[in-house]
Amino acid sequence: MPKILSEEWVVEYSTEFKVRVVALTNHLKVDTTTIANIIGLHPVMVYRWRQESREGKLVEKPSRRISMIKITKTQSQIDDKEIKCLKSRLRNCKRRMIS
């Protein structure tokens, strides 16, 4: 999630968040600007993250820390629900654009 760094509203997003957004744009096969609007980001930022990912600059760095949280089927179900929610938002946006 974003981290506010100063009073000037400079926002820094985690690498994990950036990688997830890039994966979402690749997975949904939808216009990047539409996804950026749904998530609440400027499209140029998403395009830049995608370019950094293609160039190999945007890679999640492996951590030596071990997570004590076991990812269960429930977590994957939550992810599935999140994807379904974003897809439905996308359909609604498309309907508004057409009408």
C-alpha atoms as a PDB file:
ATOM      1  CA  MET A   1       0.000   0.000   0.000  1.00  0.00           C
ATOM      2  CA  PRO A   2       1.085   3.584  -0.440  1.00  0.00           C
ATOM      3  CA  LYS A   3       3.260   5.345   2.074  1.00  0.00           C
ATOM      4  CA  ILE A   4       3.093   9.149   2.394  1.00  0.00           C
ATOM      5  CA  LEU A   5       6.627  10.478   2.656  1.00  0.00           C
ATOM      6  CA  SER A   6       6.127  14.199   3.233  1.00  0.00           C
ATOM      7  CA  GLU A   7       3.638  17.029   3.475  1.00  0.00           C
ATOM      8  CA  GLU A   8       3.778  17.388  -0.318  1.00  0.00           C
ATOM      9  CA  TRP A   9       1.884  14.105  -0.740  1.00  0.00           C
ATOM     10  CA  VAL A  10       4.710  12.166  -2.305  1.00  0.00           C
ATOM     11  CA  VAL A  11       3.474   8.606  -2.337  1.00  0.00           C
ATOM     12  CA  GLU A  12       5.715   5.562  -2.506  1.00  0.00           C
ATOM     13  CA  TYR A  13       4.215   2.202  -3.457  1.00  0.00           C
ATOM     14  CA  SER A  14       5.749  -1.076  -2.374  1.00  0.00           C
ATOM     15  CA  THR A  15       7.389  -3.303  -4.951  1.00  0.00           C
ATOM     16  CA  GLU A  16       4.889  -6.023  -4.109  1.00  0.00           C
ATOM     17  CA  PHE A  17       1.999  -3.666  -4.955  1.00  0.00           C
ATOM     18  CA  LYS A  18       3.616  -2.626  -8.240  1.00  0.00           C
ATOM     19  CA  VAL A  19       4.227  -6.242  -9.255  1.00  0.00           C
ATOM     20  CA  ARG A  20       0.599  -7.112  -8.451  1.00  0.00           C
ATOM     21  CA  VAL A  21      -0.724  -4.227 -10.550  1.00  0.00           C
ATOM     22  CA  VAL A  22       1.481  -5.237 -13.500  1.00  0.00           C
ATOM     23  CA  ALA A  23       0.333  -8.850 -13.155  1.00  0.00           C
ATOM     24  CA  LEU A  24      -3.276  -7.670 -13.084  1.00  0.00           C
ATOM     25  CA  THR A  25      -2.858  -5.675 -16.288  1.00  0.00           C
ATOM     26  CA  ASN A  26      -1.257  -8.669 -17.985  1.00  0.00           C
ATOM     27  CA  HIS A  27      -3.829 -11.141 -16.660  1.00  0.00           C
ATOM     28  CA  LEU A  28      -7.028  -9.266 -17.544  1.00  0.00           C
ATOM     29  CA  LYS A  29      -6.094  -8.320 -21.127  1.00  0.00           C
ATOM     30  CA  VAL A  30      -7.840  -4.978 -20.703  1.00  0.00           C
ATOM     31  CA  ASP A  31      -6.762  -1.443 -21.511  1.00  0.00           C
ATOM     32  CA  THR A  32      -4.226  -0.296 -18.923  1.00  0.00           C
ATOM     33  CA  THR A  33      -5.895   3.101 -18.513  1.00  0.00           C
ATOM     34  CA  THR A  34      -9.156   1.438 -17.504  1.00  0.00           C
ATOM     35  CA  ILE A  35      -7.435  -0.680 -14.858  1.00  0.00           C
ATOM     36  CA  ALA A  36      -5.488   2.349 -13.609  1.00  0.00           C
ATOM     37  CA  ASN A  37      -8.731   4.307 -13.223  1.00  0.00           C
ATOM     38  CA  ILE A  38     -10.395   1.466 -11.335  1.00  0.00           C
ATOM     39  CA  ILE A  39      -7.468   1.131  -8.939  1.00  0.00           C
ATOM     40  CA  GLY A  40      -7.167   4.912  -8.589  1.00  0.00           C
ATOM     41  CA  LEU A  41      -3.734   5.372 -10.164  1.00  0.00           C
ATOM     42  CA  HIS A  42      -2.532   7.615 -12.943  1.00  0.00           C
ATOM     43  CA  PRO A  43      -2.182   5.563 -16.155  1.00  0.00           C
ATOM     44  CA  VAL A  44       1.352   6.853 -16.766  1.00  0.00           C
ATOM     45  CA  MET A  45       2.438   5.331 -13.469  1.00  0.00           C
ATOM     46  CA  VAL A  46       1.087   1.922 -14.476  1.00  0.00           C
ATOM     47  CA  TYR A  47       2.727   2.172 -17.912  1.00  0.00           C
ATOM     48  CA  ARG A  48       6.036   3.009 -16.230  1.00  0.00           C
ATOM     49  CA  TRP A  49       5.739   0.029 -13.889  1.00  0.00           C
ATOM     50  CA  ARG A  50       5.007  -2.243 -16.840  1.00  0.00           C
ATOM     51  CA  GLN A  51       8.066  -0.932 -18.658  1.00  0.00           C
ATOM     52  CA  GLU A  52      10.227  -1.424 -15.562  1.00  0.00           C
ATOM     53  CA  SER A  53       8.901  -4.968 -15.300  1.00  0.00           C
ATOM     54  CA  ARG A  54       9.786  -5.725 -18.935  1.00  0.00           C
ATOM     55  CA  GLU A  55      13.287  -4.307 -18.391  1.00  0.00           C
ATOM     56  CA  GLY A  56      13.741  -6.453 -15.289  1.00  0.00           C
ATOM     57  CA  LYS A  57      13.961  -3.460 -12.941  1.00  0.00           C
ATOM     58  CA  LEU A  58      10.718  -4.234 -11.137  1.00  0.00           C
ATOM     59  CA  VAL A  59      11.301  -7.552  -9.428  1.00  0.00           C
ATOM     60  CA  GLU A  60      10.250  -8.633  -5.986  1.00  0.00           C
ATOM     61  CA  LYS A  61      13.416  -9.129  -4.022  1.00  0.00           C
ATOM     62  CA  PRO A  62      13.561 -12.401  -2.147  1.00  0.00           C
ATOM     63  CA  SER A  63      13.585 -11.961   1.559  1.00  0.00           C
ATOM     64  CA  ARG A  64      15.392 -14.024   4.134  1.00  0.00           C
ATOM     65  CA  ARG A  65      12.432 -13.553   6.425  1.00  0.00           C
ATOM     66  CA  ILE A  66      10.126 -16.479   6.867  1.00  0.00           C
ATOM     67  CA  SER A  67       6.429 -15.834   6.989  1.00  0.00           C
ATOM     68  CA  MET A  68       4.734 -17.481   9.910  1.00  0.00           C
ATOM     69  CA  ILE A  69       1.399 -17.221   8.131  1.00  0.00           C
ATOM     70  CA  LYS A  70       0.384 -20.310   6.240  1.00  0.00           C
ATOM     71  CA  ILE A  71      -1.358 -19.431   3.000  1.00  0.00           C
ATOM     72  CA  THR A  72      -4.483 -21.488   2.978  1.00  0.00           C
ATOM     73  CA  LYS A  73      -7.219 -22.131   0.511  1.00  0.00           C
ATOM     74  CA  THR A  74      -9.065 -19.245   2.155  1.00  0.00           C
ATOM     75  CA  GLN A  75      -6.383 -16.805   0.940  1.00  0.00           C
ATOM     76  CA  SER A  76      -6.723 -18.032  -2.637  1.00  0.00           C
ATOM     77  CA  GLN A  77     -10.498 -17.712  -2.329  1.00  0.00           C
ATOM     78  CA  ILE A  78     -10.048 -14.111  -1.204  1.00  0.00           C
ATOM     79  CA  ASP A  79      -7.806 -13.463  -4.219  1.00  0.00           C
ATOM     80  CA  ASP A  80     -10.427 -15.037  -6.501  1.00  0.00           C
ATOM     81  CA  LYS A  81     -13.116 -12.820  -4.989  1.00  0.00           C
ATOM     82  CA  GLU A  82     -10.914  -9.765  -5.506  1.00  0.00           C
ATOM     83  CA  ILE A  83     -10.385 -10.647  -9.171  1.00  0.00           C
ATOM     84  CA  LYS A  84     -14.126 -11.206  -9.648  1.00  0.00           C
ATOM     85  CA  CYS A  85     -14.840  -7.844  -8.027  1.00  0.00           C
ATOM     86  CA  LEU A  86     -12.369  -6.058 -10.285  1.00  0.00           C
ATOM     87  CA  LYS A  87     -13.802  -7.797 -13.350  1.00  0.00           C
ATOM     88  CA  SER A  88     -17.314  -6.690 -12.425  1.00  0.00           C
ATOM     89  CA  ARG A  89     -16.107  -3.112 -11.907  1.00  0.00           C
ATOM     90  CA  LEU A  90     -14.460  -3.305 -15.309  1.00  0.00           C
ATOM     91  CA  ARG A  91     -17.698  -4.502 -16.938  1.00  0.00           C
ATOM     92  CA  ASN A  92     -19.586  -1.628 -15.293  1.00  0.00           C
ATOM     93  CA  CYS A  93     -17.022   0.882 -16.552  1.00  0.00           C
ATOM     94  CA  LYS A  94     -17.306  -0.515 -20.072  1.00  0.00           C
ATOM     95  CA  ARG A  95     -21.100  -0.259 -19.944  1.00  0.00           C
ATOM     96  CA  ARG A  96     -20.873   3.380 -18.871  1.00  0.00           C
ATOM     97  CA  MET A  97     -18.417   4.140 -21.677  1.00  0.00           C
ATOM     98  CA  ILE A  98     -20.664   2.520 -24.296  1.00  0.00           C
ATOM     99  CA  SER A  99     -23.882   4.232 -23.193  1.00  0.00           C
END
